[in-house]
Amino acid sequence: MRTIALLLACLGLILPAAADTPEESLTKAGCMACHAKDKKLVGPSFKDIAAKYKGQDAAAVLAQKVRSGGKGVFGPIPMPPNPPEKISDADLKEGVGWILKQ
């Protein structure tokens, strides 16, 4: 029994933690403070963003907009820049892909 417990403890240290879903990553980065999946808050909903860019190859453009910040596309309220310390490049790429699928 002790051997099994030790083995399970070691596996817990070796196996990587489950990765966050794109939605969880966006929440941790603070995106949900201004955006929601299906309703406008301070910023546009993710569904509105996806609809605006439907049929376009917009992932790189949106990722750059998240990194640099911007204003004027959905109204006068600016979106602040979001540096890699706030959301990693990998999480940003997955998050933008998830947004565009809404």
N, C-alpha and C. Protein backbone atom coordinates (compact mmCIF):
# COMPACT_ATOMS: atom_id res chain seq x y z
N MET A 1 0.83 -1.19 0.00
CA MET A 1 0.00 0.00 0.00
C MET A 1 0.87 1.25 0.00
N ARG A 2 1.94 1.21 0.79
CA ARG A 2 2.85 2.35 0.85
C ARG A 2 3.53 2.59 -0.49
N THR A 3 3.85 1.51 -1.18
CA THR A 3 4.49 1.61 -2.49
C THR A 3 3.56 2.28 -3.49
N ILE A 4 2.30 1.92 -3.45
CA ILE A 4 1.32 2.52 -4.36
C ILE A 4 1.17 4.01 -4.07
N ALA A 5 1.10 4.36 -2.81
CA ALA A 5 0.98 5.77 -2.45
C ALA A 5 2.20 6.56 -2.91
N LEU A 6 3.38 5.99 -2.75
CA LEU A 6 4.61 6.64 -3.18
C LEU A 6 4.63 6.79 -4.70
N LEU A 7 4.23 5.76 -5.40
CA LEU A 7 4.17 5.80 -6.86
C LEU A 7 3.21 6.88 -7.34
N LEU A 8 2.05 6.95 -6.74
CA LEU A 8 1.07 7.97 -7.12
C LEU A 8 1.59 9.38 -6.83
N ALA A 9 2.27 9.53 -5.72
CA ALA A 9 2.84 10.84 -5.39
C ALA A 9 3.90 11.24 -6.41
N CYS A 10 4.73 10.30 -6.80
CA CYS A 10 5.76 10.59 -7.81
C CYS A 10 5.15 10.92 -9.16
N LEU A 11 4.12 10.21 -9.53
CA LEU A 11 3.44 10.50 -10.80
C LEU A 11 2.85 11.90 -10.80
N GLY A 12 2.35 12.31 -9.67
CA GLY A 12 1.81 13.66 -9.56
C GLY A 12 2.87 14.71 -9.78
N LEU A 13 4.09 14.42 -9.43
CA LEU A 13 5.19 15.36 -9.64
C LEU A 13 5.70 15.31 -11.07
N ILE A 14 5.59 14.16 -11.72
CA ILE A 14 6.13 13.98 -13.06
C ILE A 14 5.14 14.42 -14.14
N LEU A 15 3.89 14.05 -13.99
CA LEU A 15 2.91 14.38 -15.01
C LEU A 15 2.59 15.87 -14.99
N PRO A 16 2.53 16.48 -16.15
CA PRO A 16 2.21 17.91 -16.17
C PRO A 16 0.77 18.15 -15.77
N ALA A 17 0.53 19.31 -15.22
CA ALA A 17 -0.84 19.69 -14.86
C ALA A 17 -1.65 19.85 -16.13
N ALA A 18 -2.93 19.62 -16.02
CA ALA A 18 -3.81 19.78 -17.18
C ALA A 18 -3.78 21.24 -17.62
N ALA A 19 -3.69 21.43 -18.92
CA ALA A 19 -3.65 22.79 -19.47
C ALA A 19 -5.01 23.44 -19.34
N ASP A 20 -4.99 24.75 -19.19
CA ASP A 20 -6.24 25.51 -19.14
C ASP A 20 -6.91 25.48 -20.50
N THR A 21 -8.22 25.57 -20.50
CA THR A 21 -8.92 25.77 -21.76
C THR A 21 -8.67 27.21 -22.20
N PRO A 22 -8.89 27.52 -23.49
CA PRO A 22 -8.72 28.91 -23.92
C PRO A 22 -9.58 29.88 -23.10
N GLU A 23 -10.80 29.48 -22.78
CA GLU A 23 -11.67 30.35 -22.00
C GLU A 23 -11.09 30.60 -20.60
N GLU A 24 -10.52 29.57 -19.99
CA GLU A 24 -9.89 29.74 -18.67
C GLU A 24 -8.67 30.65 -18.76
N SER A 25 -7.88 30.51 -19.82
CA SER A 25 -6.71 31.37 -19.99
C SER A 25 -7.12 32.82 -20.16
N LEU A 26 -8.18 33.06 -20.93
CA LEU A 26 -8.66 34.43 -21.12
C LEU A 26 -9.19 35.01 -19.81
N THR A 27 -9.83 34.17 -19.02
CA THR A 27 -10.33 34.62 -17.72
C THR A 27 -9.16 34.99 -16.80
N LYS A 28 -8.15 34.12 -16.73
CA LYS A 28 -6.98 34.39 -15.88
C LYS A 28 -6.24 35.65 -16.32
N ALA A 29 -6.24 35.93 -17.62
CA ALA A 29 -5.55 37.11 -18.14
C ALA A 29 -6.33 38.39 -17.90
N GLY A 30 -7.58 38.26 -17.45
CA GLY A 30 -8.39 39.44 -17.16
C GLY A 30 -9.28 39.89 -18.30
N CYS A 31 -9.31 39.14 -19.38
CA CYS A 31 -10.12 39.53 -20.55
C CYS A 31 -11.61 39.60 -20.22
N MET A 32 -12.05 38.71 -19.32
CA MET A 32 -13.48 38.64 -18.99
C MET A 32 -13.94 39.82 -18.13
N ALA A 33 -13.03 40.67 -17.71
CA ALA A 33 -13.43 41.87 -16.99
C ALA A 33 -14.14 42.85 -17.93
N CYS A 34 -13.80 42.78 -19.21
CA CYS A 34 -14.39 43.69 -20.20
C CYS A 34 -15.17 42.99 -21.30
N HIS A 35 -14.94 41.69 -21.49
CA HIS A 35 -15.59 40.94 -22.57
C HIS A 35 -16.35 39.75 -22.00
N ALA A 36 -17.40 39.35 -22.69
CA ALA A 36 -18.14 38.13 -22.37
C ALA A 36 -18.35 37.37 -23.67
N LYS A 37 -18.71 36.12 -23.55
CA LYS A 37 -18.89 35.29 -24.74
C LYS A 37 -20.01 35.82 -25.62
N ASP A 38 -21.14 36.17 -25.03
CA ASP A 38 -22.30 36.48 -25.87
C ASP A 38 -23.02 37.79 -25.53
N LYS A 39 -22.37 38.68 -24.77
CA LYS A 39 -23.00 39.99 -24.52
C LYS A 39 -21.92 41.06 -24.37
N LYS A 40 -22.27 42.27 -24.76
CA LYS A 40 -21.35 43.39 -24.66
C LYS A 40 -21.23 43.81 -23.20
N LEU A 41 -20.02 43.99 -22.75
CA LEU A 41 -19.77 44.57 -21.43
C LEU A 41 -19.11 45.93 -21.70
N VAL A 42 -17.90 46.11 -21.27
CA VAL A 42 -17.15 47.32 -21.61
C VAL A 42 -16.70 47.22 -23.07
N GLY A 43 -16.25 46.04 -23.44
CA GLY A 43 -15.83 45.76 -24.81
C GLY A 43 -16.83 44.85 -25.49
N PRO A 44 -16.62 44.58 -26.76
CA PRO A 44 -17.56 43.75 -27.51
C PRO A 44 -17.54 42.30 -27.02
N SER A 45 -18.64 41.59 -27.29
CA SER A 45 -18.69 40.17 -26.96
C SER A 45 -17.77 39.41 -27.92
N PHE A 46 -17.36 38.23 -27.50
CA PHE A 46 -16.53 37.41 -28.37
C PHE A 46 -17.31 37.01 -29.62
N LYS A 47 -18.61 36.82 -29.49
CA LYS A 47 -19.43 36.49 -30.67
C LYS A 47 -19.45 37.65 -31.65
N ASP A 48 -19.52 38.88 -31.16
CA ASP A 48 -19.48 40.05 -32.05
C ASP A 48 -18.13 40.17 -32.75
N ILE A 49 -17.07 39.88 -32.03
CA ILE A 49 -15.73 39.91 -32.63
C ILE A 49 -15.63 38.86 -33.73
N ALA A 50 -16.09 37.65 -33.44
CA ALA A 50 -16.05 36.57 -34.43
C ALA A 50 -16.87 36.92 -35.66
N ALA A 51 -18.04 37.51 -35.46
CA ALA A 51 -18.90 37.88 -36.59
C ALA A 51 -18.23 38.94 -37.46
N LYS A 52 -17.59 39.91 -36.84
CA LYS A 52 -16.94 40.98 -37.59
C LYS A 52 -15.82 40.45 -38.48
N TYR A 53 -15.10 39.46 -37.99
CA TYR A 53 -13.95 38.94 -38.73
C TYR A 53 -14.23 37.62 -39.45
N LYS A 54 -15.48 37.22 -39.52
CA LYS A 54 -15.84 35.95 -40.17
C LYS A 54 -15.34 35.94 -41.62
N GLY A 55 -14.75 34.83 -42.01
CA GLY A 55 -14.27 34.67 -43.37
C GLY A 55 -12.93 35.33 -43.65
N GLN A 56 -12.36 35.96 -42.65
CA GLN A 56 -11.07 36.61 -42.82
C GLN A 56 -9.99 35.82 -42.07
N ASP A 57 -8.78 35.96 -42.51
CA ASP A 57 -7.65 35.36 -41.80
C ASP A 57 -7.19 36.37 -40.76
N ALA A 58 -7.92 36.44 -39.66
CA ALA A 58 -7.76 37.54 -38.71
C ALA A 58 -7.00 37.18 -37.44
N ALA A 59 -6.58 35.94 -37.28
CA ALA A 59 -5.96 35.53 -36.02
C ALA A 59 -4.74 36.37 -35.67
N ALA A 60 -3.85 36.57 -36.62
CA ALA A 60 -2.63 37.34 -36.35
C ALA A 60 -2.95 38.81 -36.06
N VAL A 61 -3.92 39.35 -36.79
CA VAL A 61 -4.33 40.75 -36.59
C VAL A 61 -4.90 40.93 -35.18
N LEU A 62 -5.78 40.01 -34.77
CA LEU A 62 -6.38 40.12 -33.44
C LEU A 62 -5.36 39.90 -32.34
N ALA A 63 -4.45 38.95 -32.53
CA ALA A 63 -3.42 38.72 -31.52
C ALA A 63 -2.56 39.98 -31.35
N GLN A 64 -2.23 40.64 -32.45
CA GLN A 64 -1.45 41.87 -32.37
C GLN A 64 -2.24 42.97 -31.67
N LYS A 65 -3.54 43.03 -31.94
CA LYS A 65 -4.39 44.05 -31.30
C LYS A 65 -4.46 43.81 -29.79
N VAL A 66 -4.53 42.55 -29.38
CA VAL A 66 -4.53 42.24 -27.95
C VAL A 66 -3.20 42.66 -27.33
N ARG A 67 -2.10 42.36 -28.01
CA ARG A 67 -0.78 42.71 -27.49
C ARG A 67 -0.59 44.23 -27.40
N SER A 68 -0.98 44.95 -28.46
CA SER A 68 -0.70 46.39 -28.55
C SER A 68 -1.80 47.26 -27.97
N GLY A 69 -3.00 46.71 -27.86
CA GLY A 69 -4.16 47.51 -27.48
C GLY A 69 -4.72 48.19 -28.71
N GLY A 70 -5.84 48.85 -28.55
CA GLY A 70 -6.43 49.53 -29.69
C GLY A 70 -7.75 50.16 -29.34
N LYS A 71 -8.28 50.91 -30.30
CA LYS A 71 -9.60 51.50 -30.13
C LYS A 71 -10.15 51.86 -31.49
N GLY A 72 -11.45 52.10 -31.52
CA GLY A 72 -12.09 52.57 -32.73
C GLY A 72 -12.79 51.53 -33.56
N VAL A 73 -12.46 50.26 -33.42
CA VAL A 73 -13.10 49.23 -34.23
C VAL A 73 -14.50 48.94 -33.72
N PHE A 74 -14.67 48.88 -32.41
CA PHE A 74 -15.97 48.58 -31.80
C PHE A 74 -16.49 49.75 -30.97
N GLY A 75 -15.90 50.90 -31.11
CA GLY A 75 -16.34 52.06 -30.34
C GLY A 75 -15.16 52.83 -29.79
N PRO A 76 -15.44 53.87 -29.03
CA PRO A 76 -14.38 54.77 -28.57
C PRO A 76 -13.59 54.30 -27.35
N ILE A 77 -14.06 53.28 -26.65
CA ILE A 77 -13.37 52.85 -25.43
C ILE A 77 -12.14 52.03 -25.82
N PRO A 78 -10.96 52.46 -25.40
CA PRO A 78 -9.74 51.75 -25.79
C PRO A 78 -9.55 50.45 -25.01
N MET A 79 -8.90 49.49 -25.68
CA MET A 79 -8.48 48.26 -25.01
C MET A 79 -7.01 48.43 -24.67
N PRO A 80 -6.63 48.24 -23.42
CA PRO A 80 -5.22 48.40 -23.06
C PRO A 80 -4.37 47.27 -23.64
N PRO A 81 -3.08 47.50 -23.77
CA PRO A 81 -2.19 46.43 -24.24
C PRO A 81 -2.11 45.30 -23.21
N ASN A 82 -1.85 44.10 -23.70
CA ASN A 82 -1.74 42.92 -22.85
C ASN A 82 -0.41 42.23 -23.13
N PRO A 83 0.61 42.51 -22.34
CA PRO A 83 1.95 41.97 -22.58
C PRO A 83 2.03 40.47 -22.28
N PRO A 84 3.12 39.83 -22.70
CA PRO A 84 3.30 38.40 -22.45
C PRO A 84 3.26 38.03 -20.97
N GLU A 85 3.56 38.97 -20.09
CA GLU A 85 3.49 38.69 -18.65
C GLU A 85 2.04 38.46 -18.22
N LYS A 86 1.12 39.01 -18.97
CA LYS A 86 -0.31 38.88 -18.64
C LYS A 86 -0.93 37.65 -19.30
N ILE A 87 -0.56 37.39 -20.56
CA ILE A 87 -1.03 36.20 -21.28
C ILE A 87 0.08 35.75 -22.22
N SER A 88 0.44 34.49 -22.12
CA SER A 88 1.56 33.97 -22.93
C SER A 88 1.19 33.95 -24.41
N ASP A 89 2.20 33.87 -25.26
CA ASP A 89 1.95 33.80 -26.70
C ASP A 89 1.09 32.59 -27.05
N ALA A 90 1.39 31.45 -26.42
CA ALA A 90 0.63 30.23 -26.71
C ALA A 90 -0.83 30.38 -26.28
N ASP A 91 -1.06 30.91 -25.07
CA ASP A 91 -2.43 31.11 -24.60
C ASP A 91 -3.16 32.14 -25.44
N LEU A 92 -2.44 33.18 -25.87
CA LEU A 92 -3.05 34.20 -26.71
C LEU A 92 -3.48 33.61 -28.04
N LYS A 93 -2.62 32.81 -28.65
CA LYS A 93 -2.95 32.18 -29.94
C LYS A 93 -4.18 31.28 -29.80
N GLU A 94 -4.20 30.45 -28.77
CA GLU A 94 -5.36 29.57 -28.54
C GLU A 94 -6.61 30.37 -28.22
N GLY A 95 -6.46 31.43 -27.42
CA GLY A 95 -7.60 32.26 -27.05
C GLY A 95 -8.21 32.97 -28.25
N VAL A 96 -7.37 33.53 -29.11
CA VAL A 96 -7.87 34.20 -30.32
C VAL A 96 -8.56 33.18 -31.22
N GLY A 97 -7.99 32.00 -31.36
CA GLY A 97 -8.64 30.95 -32.16
C GLY A 97 -10.01 30.60 -31.60
N TRP A 98 -10.11 30.50 -30.28
CA TRP A 98 -11.39 30.20 -29.63
C TRP A 98 -12.38 31.32 -29.87
N ILE A 99 -11.94 32.57 -29.74
CA ILE A 99 -12.83 33.71 -29.96
C ILE A 99 -13.39 33.68 -31.38
N LEU A 100 -12.53 33.43 -32.36
CA LEU A 100 -12.97 33.44 -33.76
C LEU A 100 -13.92 32.30 -34.09
N LYS A 101 -14.01 31.29 -33.24
CA LYS A 101 -14.94 30.17 -33.47
C LYS A 101 -16.31 30.39 -32.83
N GLN A 102 -16.49 31.51 -32.14
CA GLN A 102 -17.76 31.75 -31.44
C GLN A 102 -18.87 32.07 -32.43
